[in-house]
Amino acid sequence: MALFKVTTKRFLLSGGKRLEAGMTAEVSFNGSTLPFSNSTVKAEIQRQFKMKYNVDFPVGYMNGNELKVEKL
């Protein structure tokens, strides 16, 4: 099981929800990369941001253009 650090690359505003550049969350996944196409991964990213910042992360922004992923 690998741990990944997911960081927002820029300011995001969607439906009144605000995420600043540099906000991070840690997500574990059983693989060497974190696939954004996996619905379980998207749900876990949303859950982690909700727990840490009390903000629902918009699913439409879960891609390589908006997020930086580092394997820890």
PDB file of N, CA and C in Angstrom:
ATOM      1  N   MET A   1       0.851  -1.170   0.000  1.00  0.00           N
ATOM      2  CA  MET A   1       0.000   0.000   0.000  1.00  0.00           C
ATOM      3  C   MET A   1       0.899   1.235   0.000  1.00  0.00           C
ATOM      4  N   ALA A   2       0.687   2.109  -0.964  1.00  0.00           N
ATOM      5  CA  ALA A   2       1.486   3.325  -1.079  1.00  0.00           C
ATOM      6  C   ALA A   2       0.687   4.529  -0.593  1.00  0.00           C
ATOM      7  N   LEU A   3       1.403   5.538  -0.108  1.00  0.00           N
ATOM      8  CA  LEU A   3       0.786   6.775   0.340  1.00  0.00           C
ATOM      9  C   LEU A   3       1.152   7.876  -0.645  1.00  0.00           C
ATOM     10  N   PHE A   4       0.148   8.631  -1.084  1.00  0.00           N
ATOM     11  CA  PHE A   4       0.340   9.696  -2.052  1.00  0.00           C
ATOM     12  C   PHE A   4      -0.086  11.023  -1.442  1.00  0.00           C
ATOM     13  N   LYS A   5       0.685  12.061  -1.740  1.00  0.00           N
ATOM     14  CA  LYS A   5       0.345  13.416  -1.310  1.00  0.00           C
ATOM     15  C   LYS A   5      -0.262  14.129  -2.513  1.00  0.00           C
ATOM     16  N   VAL A   6      -1.509  14.577  -2.381  1.00  0.00           N
ATOM     17  CA  VAL A   6      -2.230  15.262  -3.450  1.00  0.00           C
ATOM     18  C   VAL A   6      -2.283  16.741  -3.085  1.00  0.00           C
ATOM     19  N   THR A   7      -1.777  17.615  -3.987  1.00  0.00           N
ATOM     20  CA  THR A   7      -1.697  19.047  -3.736  1.00  0.00           C
ATOM     21  C   THR A   7      -2.412  19.812  -4.840  1.00  0.00           C
ATOM     22  N   THR A   8      -3.209  20.809  -4.465  1.00  0.00           N
ATOM     23  CA  THR A   8      -3.849  21.650  -5.476  1.00  0.00           C
ATOM     24  C   THR A   8      -2.794  22.570  -6.077  1.00  0.00           C
ATOM     25  N   LYS A   9      -2.811  22.688  -7.409  1.00  0.00           N
ATOM     26  CA  LYS A   9      -1.811  23.497  -8.104  1.00  0.00           C
ATOM     27  C   LYS A   9      -2.170  24.979  -8.135  1.00  0.00           C
ATOM     28  N   ARG A  10      -3.468  25.280  -8.111  1.00  0.00           N
ATOM     29  CA  ARG A  10      -3.893  26.679  -8.210  1.00  0.00           C
ATOM     30  C   ARG A  10      -5.171  26.879  -7.406  1.00  0.00           C
ATOM     31  N   PHE A  11      -5.573  28.127  -7.276  1.00  0.00           N
ATOM     32  CA  PHE A  11      -6.813  28.482  -6.612  1.00  0.00           C
ATOM     33  C   PHE A  11      -7.988  27.903  -7.392  1.00  0.00           C
ATOM     34  N   LEU A  12      -8.921  27.256  -6.702  1.00  0.00           N
ATOM     35  CA  LEU A  12     -10.099  26.666  -7.340  1.00  0.00           C
ATOM     36  C   LEU A  12     -11.351  27.201  -6.657  1.00  0.00           C
ATOM     37  N   LEU A  13     -12.310  27.657  -7.466  1.00  0.00           N
ATOM     38  CA  LEU A  13     -13.583  28.127  -6.954  1.00  0.00           C
ATOM     39  C   LEU A  13     -14.671  27.458  -7.770  1.00  0.00           C
ATOM     40  N   SER A  14     -15.516  26.679  -7.111  1.00  0.00           N
ATOM     41  CA  SER A  14     -16.560  25.943  -7.808  1.00  0.00           C
ATOM     42  C   SER A  14     -17.798  25.884  -6.928  1.00  0.00           C
ATOM     43  N   GLY A  15     -18.873  26.507  -7.379  1.00  0.00           N
ATOM     44  CA  GLY A  15     -20.127  26.461  -6.628  1.00  0.00           C
ATOM     45  C   GLY A  15     -19.997  27.008  -5.221  1.00  0.00           C
ATOM     46  N   GLY A  16     -19.217  28.045  -5.043  1.00  0.00           N
ATOM     47  CA  GLY A  16     -19.026  28.626  -3.718  1.00  0.00           C
ATOM     48  C   GLY A  16     -17.994  27.909  -2.869  1.00  0.00           C
ATOM     49  N   LYS A  17     -17.425  26.846  -3.386  1.00  0.00           N
ATOM     50  CA  LYS A  17     -16.389  26.104  -2.660  1.00  0.00           C
ATOM     51  C   LYS A  17     -15.025  26.647  -3.081  1.00  0.00           C
ATOM     52  N   ARG A  18     -14.190  26.923  -2.116  1.00  0.00           N
ATOM     53  CA  ARG A  18     -12.912  27.573  -2.385  1.00  0.00           C
ATOM     54  C   ARG A  18     -11.771  26.692  -1.889  1.00  0.00           C
ATOM     55  N   LEU A  19     -10.844  26.400  -2.784  1.00  0.00           N
ATOM     56  CA  LEU A  19      -9.627  25.679  -2.417  1.00  0.00           C
ATOM     57  C   LEU A  19      -8.439  26.531  -2.854  1.00  0.00           C
ATOM     58  N   GLU A  20      -7.538  26.759  -1.944  1.00  0.00           N
ATOM     59  CA  GLU A  20      -6.359  27.567  -2.234  1.00  0.00           C
ATOM     60  C   GLU A  20      -5.265  26.703  -2.843  1.00  0.00           C
ATOM     61  N   ALA A  21      -4.382  27.333  -3.593  1.00  0.00           N
ATOM     62  CA  ALA A  21      -3.214  26.628  -4.138  1.00  0.00           C
ATOM     63  C   ALA A  21      -2.363  26.136  -2.973  1.00  0.00           C
ATOM     64  N   GLY A  22      -1.902  24.911  -3.065  1.00  0.00           N
ATOM     65  CA  GLY A  22      -1.034  24.351  -2.038  1.00  0.00           C
ATOM     66  C   GLY A  22      -1.738  23.541  -0.969  1.00  0.00           C
ATOM     67  N   MET A  23      -3.063  23.449  -1.022  1.00  0.00           N
ATOM     68  CA  MET A  23      -3.774  22.613  -0.060  1.00  0.00           C
ATOM     69  C   MET A  23      -3.443  21.153  -0.363  1.00  0.00           C
ATOM     70  N   THR A  24      -3.199  20.360   0.675  1.00  0.00           N
ATOM     71  CA  THR A  24      -2.765  18.980   0.476  1.00  0.00           C
ATOM     72  C   THR A  24      -3.652  18.004   1.238  1.00  0.00           C
ATOM     73  N   ALA A  25      -3.648  16.786   0.749  1.00  0.00           N
ATOM     74  CA  ALA A  25      -4.290  15.672   1.434  1.00  0.00           C
ATOM     75  C   ALA A  25      -3.471  14.421   1.129  1.00  0.00           C
ATOM     76  N   GLU A  26      -3.479  13.478   2.048  1.00  0.00           N
ATOM     77  CA  GLU A  26      -2.754  12.224   1.856  1.00  0.00           C
ATOM     78  C   GLU A  26      -3.763  11.121   1.556  1.00  0.00           C
ATOM     79  N   VAL A  27      -3.464  10.348   0.508  1.00  0.00           N
ATOM     80  CA  VAL A  27      -4.357   9.275   0.060  1.00  0.00           C
ATOM     81  C   VAL A  27      -3.541   8.000  -0.097  1.00  0.00           C
ATOM     82  N   SER A  28      -4.048   6.896   0.442  1.00  0.00           N
ATOM     83  CA  SER A  28      -3.364   5.614   0.261  1.00  0.00           C
ATOM     84  C   SER A  28      -4.031   4.852  -0.878  1.00  0.00           C
ATOM     85  N   PHE A  29      -3.215   4.118  -1.629  1.00  0.00           N
ATOM     86  CA  PHE A  29      -3.716   3.335  -2.751  1.00  0.00           C
ATOM     87  C   PHE A  29      -2.777   2.166  -2.980  1.00  0.00           C
ATOM     88  N   ASN A  30      -3.349   1.031  -3.328  1.00  0.00           N
ATOM     89  CA  ASN A  30      -2.563  -0.170  -3.555  1.00  0.00           C
ATOM     90  C   ASN A  30      -2.089  -0.199  -5.007  1.00  0.00           C
ATOM     91  N   GLY A  31      -1.058   0.554  -5.310  1.00  0.00           N
ATOM     92  CA  GLY A  31      -0.496   0.623  -6.654  1.00  0.00           C
ATOM     93  C   GLY A  31       0.659   1.601  -6.678  1.00  0.00           C
ATOM     94  N   SER A  32       1.366   1.656  -7.792  1.00  0.00           N
ATOM     95  CA  SER A  32       2.528   2.536  -7.892  1.00  0.00           C
ATOM     96  C   SER A  32       2.167   3.930  -8.388  1.00  0.00           C
ATOM     97  N   THR A  33       0.946   4.107  -8.933  1.00  0.00           N
ATOM     98  CA  THR A  33       0.463   5.420  -9.354  1.00  0.00           C
ATOM     99  C   THR A  33      -0.951   5.615  -8.821  1.00  0.00           C
ATOM    100  N   LEU A  34      -1.407   6.854  -8.827  1.00  0.00           N
ATOM    101  CA  LEU A  34      -2.746   7.172  -8.349  1.00  0.00           C
ATOM    102  C   LEU A  34      -3.633   7.481  -9.552  1.00  0.00           C
ATOM    103  N   PRO A  35      -4.504   6.548  -9.955  1.00  0.00           N
ATOM    104  CA  PRO A  35      -5.324   6.741 -11.157  1.00  0.00           C
ATOM    105  C   PRO A  35      -6.561   7.612 -10.882  1.00  0.00           C
ATOM    106  N   PHE A  36      -6.643   8.771 -11.535  1.00  0.00           N
ATOM    107  CA  PHE A  36      -7.791   9.655 -11.355  1.00  0.00           C
ATOM    108  C   PHE A  36      -9.052   9.095 -12.001  1.00  0.00           C
ATOM    109  N   SER A  37      -8.905   8.105 -12.881  1.00  0.00           N
ATOM    110  CA  SER A  37     -10.063   7.508 -13.540  1.00  0.00           C
ATOM    111  C   SER A  37     -10.810   6.535 -12.626  1.00  0.00           C
ATOM    112  N   ASN A  38     -10.217   6.163 -11.526  1.00  0.00           N
ATOM    113  CA  ASN A  38     -10.807   5.218 -10.572  1.00  0.00           C
ATOM    114  C   ASN A  38     -11.771   5.966  -9.642  1.00  0.00           C
ATOM    115  N   SER A  39     -13.031   5.556  -9.617  1.00  0.00           N
ATOM    116  CA  SER A  39     -14.035   6.247  -8.802  1.00  0.00           C
ATOM    117  C   SER A  39     -13.740   6.126  -7.301  1.00  0.00           C
ATOM    118  N   THR A  40     -13.122   5.042  -6.886  1.00  0.00           N
ATOM    119  CA  THR A  40     -12.749   4.869  -5.483  1.00  0.00           C
ATOM    120  C   THR A  40     -11.686   5.885  -5.086  1.00  0.00           C
ATOM    121  N   VAL A  41     -10.733   6.137  -5.983  1.00  0.00           N
ATOM    122  CA  VAL A  41      -9.676   7.120  -5.722  1.00  0.00           C
ATOM    123  C   VAL A  41     -10.289   8.513  -5.615  1.00  0.00           C
ATOM    124  N   LYS A  42     -11.192   8.858  -6.514  1.00  0.00           N
ATOM    125  CA  LYS A  42     -11.850  10.170  -6.476  1.00  0.00           C
ATOM    126  C   LYS A  42     -12.620  10.356  -5.173  1.00  0.00           C
ATOM    127  N   ALA A  43     -13.339   9.328  -4.759  1.00  0.00           N
ATOM    128  CA  ALA A  43     -14.102   9.406  -3.515  1.00  0.00           C
ATOM    129  C   ALA A  43     -13.179   9.584  -2.317  1.00  0.00           C
ATOM    130  N   GLU A  44     -12.037   8.911  -2.326  1.00  0.00           N
ATOM    131  CA  GLU A  44     -11.089   9.025  -1.212  1.00  0.00           C
ATOM    132  C   GLU A  44     -10.446  10.405  -1.176  1.00  0.00           C
ATOM    133  N   ILE A  45     -10.116  10.971  -2.340  1.00  0.00           N
ATOM    134  CA  ILE A  45      -9.560  12.333  -2.391  1.00  0.00           C
ATOM    135  C   ILE A  45     -10.586  13.307  -1.824  1.00  0.00           C
ATOM    136  N   GLN A  46     -11.834  13.192  -2.248  1.00  0.00           N
ATOM    137  CA  GLN A  46     -12.895  14.057  -1.727  1.00  0.00           C
ATOM    138  C   GLN A  46     -13.023  13.911  -0.214  1.00  0.00           C
ATOM    139  N   ARG A  47     -13.000  12.690   0.265  1.00  0.00           N
ATOM    140  CA  ARG A  47     -13.143  12.429   1.701  1.00  0.00           C
ATOM    141  C   ARG A  47     -12.004  13.043   2.503  1.00  0.00           C
ATOM    142  N   GLN A  48     -10.782  12.907   1.997  1.00  0.00           N
ATOM    143  CA  GLN A  48      -9.619  13.446   2.708  1.00  0.00           C
ATOM    144  C   GLN A  48      -9.646  14.970   2.774  1.00  0.00           C
ATOM    145  N   PHE A  49     -10.015  15.636   1.660  1.00  0.00           N
ATOM    146  CA  PHE A  49     -10.117  17.094   1.679  1.00  0.00           C
ATOM    147  C   PHE A  49     -11.260  17.540   2.599  1.00  0.00           C
ATOM    148  N   LYS A  50     -12.350  16.796   2.633  1.00  0.00           N
ATOM    149  CA  LYS A  50     -13.481  17.116   3.508  1.00  0.00           C
ATOM    150  C   LYS A  50     -13.066  16.993   4.971  1.00  0.00           C
ATOM    151  N   MET A  51     -12.337  15.930   5.312  1.00  0.00           N
ATOM    152  CA  MET A  51     -11.891  15.735   6.693  1.00  0.00           C
ATOM    153  C   MET A  51     -10.904  16.810   7.130  1.00  0.00           C
ATOM    154  N   LYS A  52      -9.975  17.160   6.255  1.00  0.00           N
ATOM    155  CA  LYS A  52      -8.898  18.077   6.624  1.00  0.00           C
ATOM    156  C   LYS A  52      -9.332  19.540   6.593  1.00  0.00           C
ATOM    157  N   TYR A  53     -10.101  19.938   5.557  1.00  0.00           N
ATOM    158  CA  TYR A  53     -10.444  21.344   5.356  1.00  0.00           C
ATOM    159  C   TYR A  53     -11.943  21.641   5.433  1.00  0.00           C
ATOM    160  N   ASN A  54     -12.776  20.614   5.599  1.00  0.00           N
ATOM    161  CA  ASN A  54     -14.230  20.758   5.599  1.00  0.00           C
ATOM    162  C   ASN A  54     -14.733  21.410   4.304  1.00  0.00           C
ATOM    163  N   VAL A  55     -14.166  20.972   3.179  1.00  0.00           N
ATOM    164  CA  VAL A  55     -14.550  21.464   1.853  1.00  0.00           C
ATOM    165  C   VAL A  55     -14.750  20.260   0.949  1.00  0.00           C
ATOM    166  N   ASP A  56     -15.875  20.231   0.241  1.00  0.00           N
ATOM    167  CA  ASP A  56     -16.105  19.175  -0.747  1.00  0.00           C
ATOM    168  C   ASP A  56     -15.325  19.505  -2.009  1.00  0.00           C
ATOM    169  N   PHE A  57     -14.355  18.664  -2.340  1.00  0.00           N
ATOM    170  CA  PHE A  57     -13.536  18.883  -3.525  1.00  0.00           C
ATOM    171  C   PHE A  57     -14.359  18.542  -4.768  1.00  0.00           C
ATOM    172  N   PRO A  58     -14.483  19.461  -5.744  1.00  0.00           N
ATOM    173  CA  PRO A  58     -15.277  19.183  -6.948  1.00  0.00           C
ATOM    174  C   PRO A  58     -14.658  18.072  -7.796  1.00  0.00           C
ATOM    175  N   VAL A  59     -15.452  17.085  -8.164  1.00  0.00           N
ATOM    176  CA  VAL A  59     -14.961  15.944  -8.947  1.00  0.00           C
ATOM    177  C   VAL A  59     -14.378  16.392 -10.283  1.00  0.00           C
ATOM    178  N   GLY A  60     -14.928  17.426 -10.885  1.00  0.00           N
ATOM    179  CA  GLY A  60     -14.452  17.900 -12.182  1.00  0.00           C
ATOM    180  C   GLY A  60     -13.019  18.395 -12.176  1.00  0.00           C
ATOM    181  N   TYR A  61     -12.477  18.692 -11.003  1.00  0.00           N
ATOM    182  CA  TYR A  61     -11.100  19.178 -10.898  1.00  0.00           C
ATOM    183  C   TYR A  61     -10.106  18.084 -10.542  1.00  0.00           C
ATOM    184  N   MET A  62     -10.553  16.845 -10.524  1.00  0.00           N
ATOM    185  CA  MET A  62      -9.648  15.748 -10.178  1.00  0.00           C
ATOM    186  C   MET A  62      -8.945  15.232 -11.424  1.00  0.00           C
ATOM    187  N   ASN A  63      -7.877  15.937 -11.810  1.00  0.00           N
ATOM    188  CA  ASN A  63      -7.079  15.533 -12.957  1.00  0.00           C
ATOM    189  C   ASN A  63      -5.664  16.070 -12.789  1.00  0.00           C
ATOM    190  N   GLY A  64      -4.797  15.662 -13.675  1.00  0.00           N
ATOM    191  CA  GLY A  64      -3.390  16.044 -13.609  1.00  0.00           C
ATOM    192  C   GLY A  64      -3.132  17.517 -13.831  1.00  0.00           C
ATOM    193  N   ASN A  65      -4.069  18.226 -14.457  1.00  0.00           N
ATOM    194  CA  ASN A  65      -3.898  19.662 -14.688  1.00  0.00           C
ATOM    195  C   ASN A  65      -4.126  20.471 -13.418  1.00  0.00           C
ATOM    196  N   GLU A  66      -4.956  19.974 -12.529  1.00  0.00           N
ATOM    197  CA  GLU A  66      -5.321  20.711 -11.320  1.00  0.00           C
ATOM    198  C   GLU A  66      -4.611  20.222 -10.067  1.00  0.00           C
ATOM    199  N   LEU A  67      -4.135  18.977 -10.086  1.00  0.00           N
ATOM    200  CA  LEU A  67      -3.534  18.372  -8.904  1.00  0.00           C
ATOM    201  C   LEU A  67      -2.129  17.865  -9.168  1.00  0.00           C
ATOM    202  N   LYS A  68      -1.285  18.027  -8.187  1.00  0.00           N
ATOM    203  CA  LYS A  68       0.070  17.467  -8.232  1.00  0.00           C
ATOM    204  C   LYS A  68       0.066  16.275  -7.282  1.00  0.00           C
ATOM    205  N   VAL A  69       0.574  15.143  -7.765  1.00  0.00           N
ATOM    206  CA  VAL A  69       0.591  13.918  -6.958  1.00  0.00           C
ATOM    207  C   VAL A  69       2.042  13.492  -6.738  1.00  0.00           C
ATOM    208  N   GLU A  70       2.399  13.265  -5.490  1.00  0.00           N
ATOM    209  CA  GLU A  70       3.729  12.782  -5.130  1.00  0.00           C
ATOM    210  C   GLU A  70       3.576  11.486  -4.352  1.00  0.00           C
ATOM    211  N   LYS A  71       4.393  10.530  -4.660  1.00  0.00           N
ATOM    212  CA  LYS A  71       4.404   9.292  -3.887  1.00  0.00           C
ATOM    213  C   LYS A  71       5.323   9.486  -2.703  1.00  0.00           C
ATOM    214  N   LEU A  72       4.809   9.208  -1.504  1.00  0.00           N
ATOM    215  CA  LEU A  72       5.609   9.384  -0.279  1.00  0.00           C
ATOM    216  C   LEU A  72       6.281   8.087   0.133  1.00  0.00           C
TER     217      LEU A  72
END
